[in-house]
Amino acid sequence: MNQKIEIIGVVGQVEQPRITQNGAPVLTFSVGVARGGGRGPIWYRVSVWGSLVDTWGAQLSKGSRVRVVGVMAAAADGHPRLWKTGEGILSASFEITARRIWLAAEGETVSTETEEPAEILE
């Protein structure tokens, strides 16, 4: 079962678009979401698939403010993907397959109140 998720944050790293072994184009980028209380952001790994990979690959850059609506992706066992860092610390990945993306222009904010975003990925 897929769970809908919506996040608003700032783009971190944007990877180069790539083609999977099945021939599907995919673009992956990270989005940091503020937690408040002086703590660092929660980072999500977001994947965009299909025909709009080229469009979003050209538009997204580090520091872009975005709103992403999609579904959570999980490991085969239903849990977040786990791995150990180079220092041996266990870490987890919160992953989202994007269904819609809003990109804020310079000086604009991204709001959940937006009815008709300027740019949408569907």
C-alpha atoms as a PDB file:
ATOM      1  CA  MET A   1       0.000   0.000   0.000  1.00  0.00           C
ATOM      2  CA  ASN A   2       1.346   3.448  -0.900  1.00  0.00           C
ATOM      3  CA  GLN A   3       1.025   6.326   1.523  1.00  0.00           C
ATOM      4  CA  LYS A   4       0.552   9.871   0.215  1.00  0.00           C
ATOM      5  CA  ILE A   5       3.013  12.392   1.591  1.00  0.00           C
ATOM      6  CA  GLU A   6       3.436  16.132   1.079  1.00  0.00           C
ATOM      7  CA  ILE A   7       6.593  18.022   1.998  1.00  0.00           C
ATOM      8  CA  ILE A   8       7.713  21.632   1.655  1.00  0.00           C
ATOM      9  CA  GLY A   9      11.404  22.342   1.812  1.00  0.00           C
ATOM     10  CA  VAL A  10      14.660  23.297   0.163  1.00  0.00           C
ATOM     11  CA  VAL A  11      16.461  21.245  -2.483  1.00  0.00           C
ATOM     12  CA  GLY A  12      19.847  19.926  -1.446  1.00  0.00           C
ATOM     13  CA  GLN A  13      21.714  17.740  -3.899  1.00  0.00           C
ATOM     14  CA  VAL A  14      20.375  17.162  -7.443  1.00  0.00           C
ATOM     15  CA  GLU A  15      21.790  14.109  -9.173  1.00  0.00           C
ATOM     16  CA  GLN A  16      22.280  13.789 -12.910  1.00  0.00           C
ATOM     17  CA  PRO A  17      19.274  12.234 -14.668  1.00  0.00           C
ATOM     18  CA  ARG A  18      19.856   8.590 -15.513  1.00  0.00           C
ATOM     19  CA  ILE A  19      18.236   5.701 -17.359  1.00  0.00           C
ATOM     20  CA  THR A  20      17.362   2.555 -15.389  1.00  0.00           C
ATOM     21  CA  GLN A  21      18.119  -0.964 -16.637  1.00  0.00           C
ATOM     22  CA  ASN A  22      14.470  -1.100 -17.806  1.00  0.00           C
ATOM     23  CA  GLY A  23      14.991   2.030 -19.939  1.00  0.00           C
ATOM     24  CA  ALA A  24      13.010   4.412 -17.681  1.00  0.00           C
ATOM     25  CA  PRO A  25      14.412   7.911 -17.088  1.00  0.00           C
ATOM     26  CA  VAL A  26      14.698   8.973 -13.443  1.00  0.00           C
ATOM     27  CA  LEU A  27      15.909  12.080 -11.620  1.00  0.00           C
ATOM     28  CA  THR A  28      16.716  11.956  -7.913  1.00  0.00           C
ATOM     29  CA  PHE A  29      17.186  14.921  -5.580  1.00  0.00           C
ATOM     30  CA  SER A  30      17.120  15.608  -1.857  1.00  0.00           C
ATOM     31  CA  VAL A  31      14.761  17.975  -0.021  1.00  0.00           C
ATOM     32  CA  GLY A  32      15.410  19.256   3.486  1.00  0.00           C
ATOM     33  CA  VAL A  33      12.340  20.008   5.609  1.00  0.00           C
ATOM     34  CA  ALA A  34      12.732  22.243   8.665  1.00  0.00           C
ATOM     35  CA  ARG A  35      11.939  20.626  12.025  1.00  0.00           C
ATOM     36  CA  GLY A  36      12.138  23.742  14.221  1.00  0.00           C
ATOM     37  CA  GLY A  37      13.544  23.928  17.701  1.00  0.00           C
ATOM     38  CA  GLY A  38      17.056  24.573  16.435  1.00  0.00           C
ATOM     39  CA  ARG A  39      17.376  21.041  15.078  1.00  0.00           C
ATOM     40  CA  GLY A  40      18.645  20.297  11.597  1.00  0.00           C
ATOM     41  CA  PRO A  41      16.278  19.430   8.745  1.00  0.00           C
ATOM     42  CA  ILE A  42      14.787  16.049   7.946  1.00  0.00           C
ATOM     43  CA  TRP A  43      16.119  14.990   4.541  1.00  0.00           C
ATOM     44  CA  TYR A  44      14.008  13.161   1.971  1.00  0.00           C
ATOM     45  CA  ARG A  45      15.233  11.513  -1.219  1.00  0.00           C
ATOM     46  CA  VAL A  46      12.777  12.342  -4.034  1.00  0.00           C
ATOM     47  CA  SER A  47      12.564  10.539  -7.388  1.00  0.00           C
ATOM     48  CA  VAL A  48      10.913  11.902 -10.522  1.00  0.00           C
ATOM     49  CA  TRP A  49      10.192   9.450 -13.331  1.00  0.00           C
ATOM     50  CA  GLY A  50       9.258   9.584 -16.989  1.00  0.00           C
ATOM     51  CA  SER A  51       8.949  12.290 -19.582  1.00  0.00           C
ATOM     52  CA  LEU A  52       9.413  15.270 -17.246  1.00  0.00           C
ATOM     53  CA  VAL A  53      12.852  14.211 -15.989  1.00  0.00           C
ATOM     54  CA  ASP A  54      14.589  16.544 -18.466  1.00  0.00           C
ATOM     55  CA  THR A  55      12.370  19.498 -17.521  1.00  0.00           C
ATOM     56  CA  TRP A  56      12.912  19.109 -13.781  1.00  0.00           C
ATOM     57  CA  GLY A  57      16.595  18.267 -14.166  1.00  0.00           C
ATOM     58  CA  ALA A  58      17.066  21.669 -15.819  1.00  0.00           C
ATOM     59  CA  GLN A  59      14.944  23.600 -13.278  1.00  0.00           C
ATOM     60  CA  LEU A  60      15.939  22.176  -9.898  1.00  0.00           C
ATOM     61  CA  SER A  61      19.090  23.346  -8.199  1.00  0.00           C
ATOM     62  CA  LYS A  62      20.501  23.455  -4.701  1.00  0.00           C
ATOM     63  CA  GLY A  63      18.528  25.992  -2.671  1.00  0.00           C
ATOM     64  CA  SER A  64      15.333  25.832  -4.781  1.00  0.00           C
ATOM     65  CA  ARG A  65      12.189  25.947  -2.650  1.00  0.00           C
ATOM     66  CA  VAL A  66       9.745  23.195  -3.548  1.00  0.00           C
ATOM     67  CA  ARG A  67       6.512  21.528  -2.526  1.00  0.00           C
ATOM     68  CA  VAL A  68       6.404  17.827  -3.364  1.00  0.00           C
ATOM     69  CA  VAL A  69       3.375  15.532  -3.283  1.00  0.00           C
ATOM     70  CA  GLY A  70       3.987  11.851  -3.822  1.00  0.00           C
ATOM     71  CA  VAL A  71       4.024   8.421  -2.266  1.00  0.00           C
ATOM     72  CA  MET A  72       6.447   6.962   0.227  1.00  0.00           C
ATOM     73  CA  ALA A  73       8.766   4.321  -1.140  1.00  0.00           C
ATOM     74  CA  ALA A  74      10.076   1.598   1.153  1.00  0.00           C
ATOM     75  CA  ALA A  75      12.342  -1.414   1.144  1.00  0.00           C
ATOM     76  CA  ALA A  76      10.798  -4.794   0.310  1.00  0.00           C
ATOM     77  CA  ASP A  77      10.034  -5.358   4.005  1.00  0.00           C
ATOM     78  CA  GLY A  78       8.059  -2.097   4.211  1.00  0.00           C
ATOM     79  CA  HIS A  79      10.644  -0.268   6.309  1.00  0.00           C
ATOM     80  CA  PRO A  80      12.855   2.668   5.281  1.00  0.00           C
ATOM     81  CA  ARG A  81      15.972   1.680   3.354  1.00  0.00           C
ATOM     82  CA  LEU A  82      18.817   1.176   5.866  1.00  0.00           C
ATOM     83  CA  TRP A  83      22.571   1.375   5.381  1.00  0.00           C
ATOM     84  CA  LYS A  84      25.757   2.032   7.329  1.00  0.00           C
ATOM     85  CA  THR A  85      27.761   5.182   6.747  1.00  0.00           C
ATOM     86  CA  GLY A  86      31.520   5.088   6.209  1.00  0.00           C
ATOM     87  CA  GLU A  87      31.860   5.618   9.956  1.00  0.00           C
ATOM     88  CA  GLY A  88      29.698   2.559  10.679  1.00  0.00           C
ATOM     89  CA  ILE A  89      26.634   4.548  11.794  1.00  0.00           C
ATOM     90  CA  LEU A  90      23.274   3.016  10.886  1.00  0.00           C
ATOM     91  CA  SER A  91      21.188   5.416   8.800  1.00  0.00           C
ATOM     92  CA  ALA A  92      17.758   5.343   7.122  1.00  0.00           C
ATOM     93  CA  SER A  93      16.446   6.872   3.922  1.00  0.00           C
ATOM     94  CA  PHE A  94      13.005   8.472   3.664  1.00  0.00           C
ATOM     95  CA  GLU A  95      12.169   8.137  -0.016  1.00  0.00           C
ATOM     96  CA  ILE A  96       9.363   9.701  -2.045  1.00  0.00           C
ATOM     97  CA  THR A  97       8.217   9.033  -5.588  1.00  0.00           C
ATOM     98  CA  ALA A  98       6.978  12.462  -6.713  1.00  0.00           C
ATOM     99  CA  ARG A  99       3.565  12.817  -8.339  1.00  0.00           C
ATOM    100  CA  ARG A 100       3.393  16.653  -8.271  1.00  0.00           C
ATOM    101  CA  ILE A 101       6.027  19.338  -7.726  1.00  0.00           C
ATOM    102  CA  TRP A 102       5.649  23.078  -7.259  1.00  0.00           C
ATOM    103  CA  LEU A 103       8.696  25.275  -7.725  1.00  0.00           C
ATOM    104  CA  ALA A 104       8.729  28.717  -6.069  1.00  0.00           C
ATOM    105  CA  ALA A 105      10.221  31.594  -8.030  1.00  0.00           C
ATOM    106  CA  GLU A 106      12.875  33.797  -6.404  1.00  0.00           C
ATOM    107  CA  GLY A 107      11.334  35.660  -3.469  1.00  0.00           C
ATOM    108  CA  GLU A 108       8.133  33.575  -3.445  1.00  0.00           C
ATOM    109  CA  THR A 109       7.111  31.111  -0.796  1.00  0.00           C
ATOM    110  CA  VAL A 110       5.645  27.681  -1.403  1.00  0.00           C
ATOM    111  CA  SER A 111       2.281  27.304   0.296  1.00  0.00           C
ATOM    112  CA  THR A 112      -0.061  24.401   0.842  1.00  0.00           C
ATOM    113  CA  GLU A 113      -2.843  26.891   0.077  1.00  0.00           C
ATOM    114  CA  THR A 114      -1.841  27.110  -3.601  1.00  0.00           C
ATOM    115  CA  GLU A 115      -4.710  25.983  -5.812  1.00  0.00           C
ATOM    116  CA  GLU A 116      -3.112  26.444  -9.233  1.00  0.00           C
ATOM    117  CA  PRO A 117       0.677  26.101  -9.074  1.00  0.00           C
ATOM    118  CA  ALA A 118       2.676  27.581 -11.908  1.00  0.00           C
ATOM    119  CA  GLU A 119       4.571  24.357 -12.571  1.00  0.00           C
ATOM    120  CA  ILE A 120       3.245  20.878 -11.943  1.00  0.00           C
ATOM    121  CA  LEU A 121       4.625  17.400 -12.435  1.00  0.00           C
ATOM    122  CA  GLU A 122       1.918  14.780 -12.794  1.00  0.00           C
END
